[in-house]
C-alpha atoms as a PDB file:
ATOM      1  CA  MET A   1       0.000   0.000   0.000  1.00  0.00           C
ATOM      2  CA  LEU A   2       1.322   3.451  -0.937  1.00  0.00           C
ATOM      3  CA  PHE A   3      -0.035   5.194   2.159  1.00  0.00           C
ATOM      4  CA  SER A   4      -1.167   4.547   5.710  1.00  0.00           C
ATOM      5  CA  ILE A   5      -4.407   5.712   7.308  1.00  0.00           C
ATOM      6  CA  ASP A   6      -5.499   6.789  10.763  1.00  0.00           C
ATOM      7  CA  GLU A   7      -8.113   4.543  12.368  1.00  0.00           C
ATOM      8  CA  ARG A   8      -9.962   7.420  14.001  1.00  0.00           C
ATOM      9  CA  LEU A   9     -10.219   9.436  10.786  1.00  0.00           C
ATOM     10  CA  SER A  10     -11.272   6.366   8.824  1.00  0.00           C
ATOM     11  CA  ARG A  11     -14.445   6.148  10.918  1.00  0.00           C
ATOM     12  CA  ILE A  12     -15.724   9.506   9.611  1.00  0.00           C
ATOM     13  CA  PRO A  13     -18.146   8.845   6.706  1.00  0.00           C
ATOM     14  CA  GLY A  14     -17.071  10.339   3.384  1.00  0.00           C
ATOM     15  CA  LEU A  15     -13.622  11.361   4.615  1.00  0.00           C
ATOM     16  CA  VAL A  16     -10.635  10.410   2.443  1.00  0.00           C
ATOM     17  CA  HIS A  17      -7.141  10.661   3.886  1.00  0.00           C
ATOM     18  CA  GLY A  18      -3.701   9.119   4.014  1.00  0.00           C
ATOM     19  CA  PHE A  19      -0.046   9.562   4.905  1.00  0.00           C
ATOM     20  CA  GLY A  20       1.976   8.670   1.841  1.00  0.00           C
ATOM     21  CA  ARG A  21       5.147   6.661   1.988  1.00  0.00           C
ATOM     22  CA  GLY A  22       8.168   7.257  -0.196  1.00  0.00           C
ATOM     23  CA  ASP A  23       6.696   5.559  -3.247  1.00  0.00           C
ATOM     24  CA  LEU A  24       3.561   7.730  -3.506  1.00  0.00           C
ATOM     25  CA  THR A  25       4.282  10.306  -6.213  1.00  0.00           C
ATOM     26  CA  GLU A  26       2.367  13.465  -7.044  1.00  0.00           C
ATOM     27  CA  GLU A  27       1.148  11.837 -10.252  1.00  0.00           C
ATOM     28  CA  GLY A  28      -0.002   8.808  -8.279  1.00  0.00           C
ATOM     29  CA  LEU A  29      -1.841  10.986  -5.783  1.00  0.00           C
ATOM     30  CA  ARG A  30      -3.499  12.972  -8.561  1.00  0.00           C
ATOM     31  CA  THR A  31      -4.694   9.711 -10.154  1.00  0.00           C
ATOM     32  CA  PHE A  32      -5.972   8.548  -6.751  1.00  0.00           C
ATOM     33  CA  ALA A  33      -7.895  11.812  -6.332  1.00  0.00           C
ATOM     34  CA  LEU A  34      -9.425  11.725  -9.814  1.00  0.00           C
ATOM     35  CA  GLY A  35     -10.556   8.152  -9.273  1.00  0.00           C
ATOM     36  CA  ARG A  36     -12.599   9.364  -6.310  1.00  0.00           C
ATOM     37  CA  GLY A  37     -13.988  12.459  -7.984  1.00  0.00           C
ATOM     38  CA  LEU A  38     -11.695  14.793  -6.043  1.00  0.00           C
ATOM     39  CA  ARG A  39      -9.533  17.711  -7.166  1.00  0.00           C
ATOM     40  CA  LEU A  40      -6.044  17.701  -5.694  1.00  0.00           C
ATOM     41  CA  VAL A  41      -4.971  20.965  -4.038  1.00  0.00           C
ATOM     42  CA  LEU A  42      -1.277  21.541  -3.293  1.00  0.00           C
ATOM     43  CA  LEU A  43       0.586  24.505  -1.836  1.00  0.00           C
ATOM     44  CA  ASP A  44       3.765  26.370  -2.651  1.00  0.00           C
ATOM     45  CA  GLN A  45       5.135  25.628   0.825  1.00  0.00           C
ATOM     46  CA  ILE A  46       7.258  28.399   2.345  1.00  0.00           C
ATOM     47  CA  HIS A  47       7.706  27.424   6.040  1.00  0.00           C
ATOM     48  CA  SER A  48       5.207  30.061   7.159  1.00  0.00           C
ATOM     49  CA  ASP A  49       2.067  30.400   9.256  1.00  0.00           C
ATOM     50  CA  ILE A  50      -0.093  31.199   6.214  1.00  0.00           C
ATOM     51  CA  ILE A  51      -3.378  29.266   6.173  1.00  0.00           C
ATOM     52  CA  HIS A  52      -5.719  29.158   3.183  1.00  0.00           C
ATOM     53  CA  ILE A  53      -9.399  28.419   3.738  1.00  0.00           C
ATOM     54  CA  ILE A  54     -10.830  27.420   0.387  1.00  0.00           C
ATOM     55  CA  GLU A  55     -14.215  26.538  -1.063  1.00  0.00           C
ATOM     56  CA  GLU A  56     -12.971  25.505  -4.510  1.00  0.00           C
ATOM     57  CA  ALA A  57      -9.710  24.472  -6.107  1.00  0.00           C
ATOM     58  CA  PRO A  58      -7.503  27.515  -6.799  1.00  0.00           C
ATOM     59  CA  ALA A  59      -6.085  28.109 -10.271  1.00  0.00           C
ATOM     60  CA  GLY A  60      -2.520  27.530  -9.071  1.00  0.00           C
ATOM     61  CA  ARG A  61      -0.522  26.692  -5.982  1.00  0.00           C
ATOM     62  CA  LEU A  62      -1.071  29.217  -3.225  1.00  0.00           C
ATOM     63  CA  PRO A  63       1.932  30.217  -1.086  1.00  0.00           C
ATOM     64  CA  GLY A  64       1.479  28.922   2.449  1.00  0.00           C
ATOM     65  CA  ASP A  65       1.634  25.886   4.691  1.00  0.00           C
ATOM     66  CA  ALA A  66      -1.928  24.922   5.645  1.00  0.00           C
ATOM     67  CA  LEU A  67      -5.217  24.338   3.837  1.00  0.00           C
ATOM     68  CA  ALA A  68      -8.698  24.012   5.315  1.00  0.00           C
ATOM     69  CA  THR A  69     -12.143  23.449   3.812  1.00  0.00           C
ATOM     70  CA  ASN A  70     -15.656  22.193   4.460  1.00  0.00           C
ATOM     71  CA  ALA A  71     -16.335  21.741   0.741  1.00  0.00           C
ATOM     72  CA  PRO A  72     -16.683  18.222  -0.655  1.00  0.00           C
ATOM     73  CA  GLY A  73     -14.698  17.347  -3.752  1.00  0.00           C
ATOM     74  CA  LEU A  74     -11.302  18.726  -2.718  1.00  0.00           C
ATOM     75  CA  LEU A  75      -8.279  16.701  -1.624  1.00  0.00           C
ATOM     76  CA  LEU A  76      -5.971  18.903   0.447  1.00  0.00           C
ATOM     77  CA  ALA A  77      -2.343  17.786   0.495  1.00  0.00           C
ATOM     78  CA  VAL A  78       0.993  18.783   1.980  1.00  0.00           C
ATOM     79  CA  LYS A  79       4.415  17.363   1.176  1.00  0.00           C
ATOM     80  CA  THR A  80       7.153  16.594   3.682  1.00  0.00           C
ATOM     81  CA  ALA A  81      10.554  14.971   4.098  1.00  0.00           C
ATOM     82  CA  ASP A  82      11.305  15.266   7.860  1.00  0.00           C
ATOM     83  CA  CYS A  83       8.835  18.076   8.587  1.00  0.00           C
ATOM     84  CA  LEU A  84       5.638  16.981  10.309  1.00  0.00           C
ATOM     85  CA  PRO A  85       2.380  16.548   8.368  1.00  0.00           C
ATOM     86  CA  VAL A  86      -0.720  17.099  10.497  1.00  0.00           C
ATOM     87  CA  LEU A  87      -4.239  16.201   9.357  1.00  0.00           C
ATOM     88  CA  LEU A  88      -7.197  17.712  11.213  1.00  0.00           C
ATOM     89  CA  ALA A  89     -10.880  16.817  11.040  1.00  0.00           C
ATOM     90  CA  ASP A  90     -13.863  18.341  12.813  1.00  0.00           C
ATOM     91  CA  PHE A  91     -16.069  15.262  12.821  1.00  0.00           C
ATOM     92  CA  ARG A  92     -19.202  17.183  13.829  1.00  0.00           C
ATOM     93  CA  LEU A  93     -19.179  20.068  11.325  1.00  0.00           C
ATOM     94  CA  ARG A  94     -17.179  18.165   8.691  1.00  0.00           C
ATOM     95  CA  VAL A  95     -14.260  20.544   8.317  1.00  0.00           C
ATOM     96  CA  VAL A  96     -10.820  19.228   7.342  1.00  0.00           C
ATOM     97  CA  ALA A  97      -7.318  20.672   7.203  1.00  0.00           C
ATOM     98  CA  ALA A  98      -3.817  19.654   6.148  1.00  0.00           C
ATOM     99  CA  VAL A  99      -0.816  21.324   7.781  1.00  0.00           C
ATOM    100  CA  HIS A 100       2.918  21.328   6.974  1.00  0.00           C
ATOM    101  CA  ALA A 101       4.851  21.926  10.203  1.00  0.00           C
ATOM    102  CA  GLY A 102       8.616  22.218  10.040  1.00  0.00           C
ATOM    103  CA  TRP A 103      10.513  23.857  12.863  1.00  0.00           C
ATOM    104  CA  ARG A 104       9.819  27.334  11.476  1.00  0.00           C
ATOM    105  CA  GLY A 105       6.088  26.733  11.093  1.00  0.00           C
ATOM    106  CA  THR A 106       6.005  25.131  14.523  1.00  0.00           C
ATOM    107  CA  ARG A 107       7.731  28.152  16.053  1.00  0.00           C
ATOM    108  CA  LEU A 108       5.061  30.284  14.343  1.00  0.00           C
ATOM    109  CA  ARG A 109       2.392  27.991  15.911  1.00  0.00           C
ATOM    110  CA  ILE A 110       0.827  27.143  12.551  1.00  0.00           C
ATOM    111  CA  VAL A 111      -1.093  24.089  13.724  1.00  0.00           C
ATOM    112  CA  GLU A 112      -2.643  26.020  16.621  1.00  0.00           C
ATOM    113  CA  LYS A 113      -3.534  28.874  14.280  1.00  0.00           C
ATOM    114  CA  THR A 114      -5.141  26.415  11.863  1.00  0.00           C
ATOM    115  CA  VAL A 115      -7.473  25.105  14.565  1.00  0.00           C
ATOM    116  CA  ARG A 116      -8.349  28.682  15.504  1.00  0.00           C
ATOM    117  CA  ALA A 117      -8.968  29.519  11.830  1.00  0.00           C
ATOM    118  CA  MET A 118     -11.344  26.548  11.586  1.00  0.00           C
ATOM    119  CA  ALA A 119     -13.166  27.848  14.660  1.00  0.00           C
ATOM    120  CA  GLY A 120     -13.328  31.405  13.355  1.00  0.00           C
ATOM    121  CA  ARG A 121     -14.527  30.536   9.859  1.00  0.00           C
ATOM    122  CA  PHE A 122     -16.702  27.466  10.406  1.00  0.00           C
ATOM    123  CA  GLY A 123     -17.519  27.488  14.120  1.00  0.00           C
ATOM    124  CA  THR A 124     -15.407  24.422  14.865  1.00  0.00           C
ATOM    125  CA  ASP A 125     -15.259  23.419  18.520  1.00  0.00           C
ATOM    126  CA  PRO A 126     -11.669  22.245  19.139  1.00  0.00           C
ATOM    127  CA  ALA A 127     -13.086  19.466  21.312  1.00  0.00           C
ATOM    128  CA  ASP A 128     -14.574  17.985  18.115  1.00  0.00           C
ATOM    129  CA  VAL A 129     -11.243  17.940  16.258  1.00  0.00           C
ATOM    130  CA  ILE A 130      -9.279  14.760  15.623  1.00  0.00           C
ATOM    131  CA  ALA A 131      -5.582  15.440  15.014  1.00  0.00           C
ATOM    132  CA  ALA A 132      -3.422  12.832  13.293  1.00  0.00           C
ATOM    133  CA  LEU A 133       0.335  13.383  13.285  1.00  0.00           C
ATOM    134  CA  GLY A 134       2.067  11.779  10.329  1.00  0.00           C
ATOM    135  CA  PRO A 135       5.642  10.601   9.873  1.00  0.00           C
ATOM    136  CA  GLY A 136       8.364  13.122  10.622  1.00  0.00           C
ATOM    137  CA  ILE A 137      11.899  13.142  11.888  1.00  0.00           C
ATOM    138  CA  GLY A 138      12.168  11.561  15.334  1.00  0.00           C
ATOM    139  CA  ALA A 139      13.357  13.364  18.436  1.00  0.00           C
ATOM    140  CA  SER A 140      16.577  11.362  18.686  1.00  0.00           C
ATOM    141  CA  CYS A 141      17.552  12.288  15.104  1.00  0.00           C
ATOM    142  CA  TYR A 142      16.599  15.966  14.981  1.00  0.00           C
ATOM    143  CA  GLU A 143      19.591  17.912  16.246  1.00  0.00           C
ATOM    144  CA  VAL A 144      19.215  21.697  16.231  1.00  0.00           C
ATOM    145  CA  GLY A 145      21.258  24.627  17.463  1.00  0.00           C
ATOM    146  CA  GLU A 146      20.775  26.901  20.447  1.00  0.00           C
ATOM    147  CA  GLU A 147      19.234  29.555  18.192  1.00  0.00           C
ATOM    148  CA  VAL A 148      16.282  27.253  17.382  1.00  0.00           C
ATOM    149  CA  ARG A 149      15.723  26.480  21.062  1.00  0.00           C
ATOM    150  CA  SER A 150      15.855  30.193  21.905  1.00  0.00           C
ATOM    151  CA  GLU A 151      13.323  31.028  19.200  1.00  0.00           C
ATOM    152  CA  PHE A 152      10.958  28.316  20.449  1.00  0.00           C
ATOM    153  CA  LEU A 153      11.171  29.519  24.037  1.00  0.00           C
ATOM    154  CA  SER A 154      10.623  33.127  22.946  1.00  0.00           C
ATOM    155  CA  ALA A 155       7.499  31.978  21.077  1.00  0.00           C
ATOM    156  CA  GLY A 156       6.134  30.372  24.251  1.00  0.00           C
ATOM    157  CA  LEU A 157       6.757  26.734  23.357  1.00  0.00           C
ATOM    158  CA  PRO A 158       7.777  24.458  26.239  1.00  0.00           C
ATOM    159  CA  GLY A 159      11.433  23.749  26.879  1.00  0.00           C
ATOM    160  CA  SER A 160      10.479  20.132  27.536  1.00  0.00           C
ATOM    161  CA  VAL A 161      10.402  19.460  23.767  1.00  0.00           C
ATOM    162  CA  PHE A 162      14.206  19.743  23.776  1.00  0.00           C
ATOM    163  CA  ALA A 163      16.794  17.330  25.150  1.00  0.00           C
ATOM    164  CA  PRO A 164      20.590  17.658  25.367  1.00  0.00           C
ATOM    165  CA  ALA A 165      22.329  16.344  22.254  1.00  0.00           C
ATOM    166  CA  GLY A 166      25.664  15.742  23.960  1.00  0.00           C
ATOM    167  CA  ARG A 167      27.464  18.516  22.107  1.00  0.00           C
ATOM    168  CA  PRO A 168      27.876  22.136  23.206  1.00  0.00           C
ATOM    169  CA  GLY A 169      25.061  24.323  21.927  1.00  0.00           C
ATOM    170  CA  LYS A 170      23.165  21.408  20.367  1.00  0.00           C
ATOM    171  CA  HIS A 171      19.755  19.999  21.298  1.00  0.00           C
ATOM    172  CA  PHE A 172      17.392  17.299  20.095  1.00  0.00           C
ATOM    173  CA  LEU A 173      13.957  18.664  19.135  1.00  0.00           C
ATOM    174  CA  ASP A 174      10.806  16.573  19.487  1.00  0.00           C
ATOM    175  CA  LEU A 175       8.822  18.100  16.628  1.00  0.00           C
ATOM    176  CA  ALA A 176       5.785  15.860  17.142  1.00  0.00           C
ATOM    177  CA  GLU A 177       5.489  16.739  20.829  1.00  0.00           C
ATOM    178  CA  ALA A 178       5.968  20.428  20.072  1.00  0.00           C
ATOM    179  CA  ASN A 179       2.982  20.327  17.728  1.00  0.00           C
ATOM    180  CA  ALA A 180       0.963  18.205  20.137  1.00  0.00           C
ATOM    181  CA  SER A 181       1.527  20.900  22.769  1.00  0.00           C
ATOM    182  CA  LEU A 182       0.230  23.541  20.344  1.00  0.00           C
ATOM    183  CA  LEU A 183      -2.847  21.447  19.582  1.00  0.00           C
ATOM    184  CA  ARG A 184      -3.535  21.094  23.293  1.00  0.00           C
ATOM    185  CA  ALA A 185      -3.154  24.867  23.656  1.00  0.00           C
ATOM    186  CA  ALA A 186      -5.819  25.256  20.956  1.00  0.00           C
ATOM    187  CA  GLY A 187      -8.197  22.981  22.888  1.00  0.00           C
ATOM    188  CA  VAL A 188      -7.709  19.764  20.912  1.00  0.00           C
ATOM    189  CA  SER A 189      -7.499  16.657  23.080  1.00  0.00           C
ATOM    190  CA  GLU A 190      -7.687  13.792  20.569  1.00  0.00           C
ATOM    191  CA  ILE A 191      -4.105  13.829  19.298  1.00  0.00           C
ATOM    192  CA  ALA A 192      -2.113  10.791  18.251  1.00  0.00           C
ATOM    193  CA  PRO A 193       0.432   9.528  15.742  1.00  0.00           C
ATOM    194  CA  ALA A 194      -1.300   8.033  12.717  1.00  0.00           C
ATOM    195  CA  GLY A 195      -0.887   4.435  11.620  1.00  0.00           C
ATOM    196  CA  ASP A 196       2.732   3.358  11.377  1.00  0.00           C
ATOM    197  CA  SER A 197       4.155   6.871  11.630  1.00  0.00           C
ATOM    198  CA  GLY A 198       7.821   6.621  12.473  1.00  0.00           C
ATOM    199  CA  CYS A 199      11.076   8.483  12.039  1.00  0.00           C
ATOM    200  CA  THR A 200      11.657   9.579   8.460  1.00  0.00           C
ATOM    201  CA  HIS A 201      15.396   9.741   9.065  1.00  0.00           C
ATOM    202  CA  CYS A 202      15.572   6.115  10.255  1.00  0.00           C
ATOM    203  CA  ASP A 203      13.018   4.441   7.976  1.00  0.00           C
ATOM    204  CA  PRO A 204      14.380   3.741   4.472  1.00  0.00           C
ATOM    205  CA  ARG A 205      10.813   3.571   3.085  1.00  0.00           C
ATOM    206  CA  MET A 206      10.467   7.280   3.766  1.00  0.00           C
ATOM    207  CA  HIS A 207      12.109  10.382   2.354  1.00  0.00           C
ATOM    208  CA  SER A 208      14.390  12.388   4.626  1.00  0.00           C
ATOM    209  CA  PHE A 209      16.081  15.634   3.685  1.00  0.00           C
ATOM    210  CA  ARG A 210      18.517  15.344   6.581  1.00  0.00           C
ATOM    211  CA  ARG A 211      19.538  11.872   5.498  1.00  0.00           C
ATOM    212  CA  ASP A 212      19.541  12.248   1.716  1.00  0.00           C
ATOM    213  CA  ARG A 213      20.006  16.006   1.263  1.00  0.00           C
ATOM    214  CA  ASP A 214      19.471  17.169  -2.324  1.00  0.00           C
ATOM    215  CA  ALA A 215      18.679  13.626  -3.476  1.00  0.00           C
ATOM    216  CA  SER A 216      15.649  13.552  -1.192  1.00  0.00           C
ATOM    217  CA  ARG A 217      12.138  13.574  -2.629  1.00  0.00           C
ATOM    218  CA  ARG A 218       8.913  14.375  -0.761  1.00  0.00           C
ATOM    219  CA  MET A 219       6.019  12.416   0.734  1.00  0.00           C
ATOM    220  CA  PHE A 220       2.381  13.459   0.418  1.00  0.00           C
ATOM    221  CA  SER A 221      -0.199  13.546   3.198  1.00  0.00           C
ATOM    222  CA  PHE A 222      -3.778  14.301   2.229  1.00  0.00           C
ATOM    223  CA  ILE A 223      -7.324  14.747   3.494  1.00  0.00           C
ATOM    224  CA  GLY A 224     -10.661  15.604   1.889  1.00  0.00           C
ATOM    225  CA  LEU A 225     -14.407  15.060   1.842  1.00  0.00           C
ATOM    226  CA  SER A 226     -15.867  12.952  -0.925  1.00  0.00           C
ATOM    227  CA  SER A 227     -19.430  13.735   0.121  1.00  0.00           C
END
């Protein structure tokens, strides 16, 4: 199978989603979407806190790092290769979102802002949101400098998401826990890793920019409403 699914999201009628592995290409995802009567929507990702709430497929790729909709017929997707993909679903009002959260977007609290955008636009109650965290780089592989830790602390993120890396001025960052803390701050309680989400750096089935550098490709995570 080219992607894994989250059990909780799979119980929502008419919801289509998945966390692609390394062998799911953009062409393959577009074919998957067309076969289900969905239009694929991708972003020009820029490591920002820009969120687009859409009702129809845009003419081109919008610059930003999160998409949200309550409109059937759209398949929202983000691409990652160590950054964290987060899929959100308001099961009561049927609102979905896809978020790309690297360390910069996490520092900017993009996943928290996406939940708040869903609440502001659609009336989403964060208590009704299911958050699935896809595969990203694991805490024991994600070494960052003191400047990243300082920026996180200045932005109000907890210092507990960092651990000493054993080298002066270096820390390990738990990107998944950092985003889970932001989701909790937004009022979301149902937060969990999806399916067989693991460390992209360690798992050869997955793409990792840190491991493969310029030879790395990207993985696609997607969510949408078919009806």
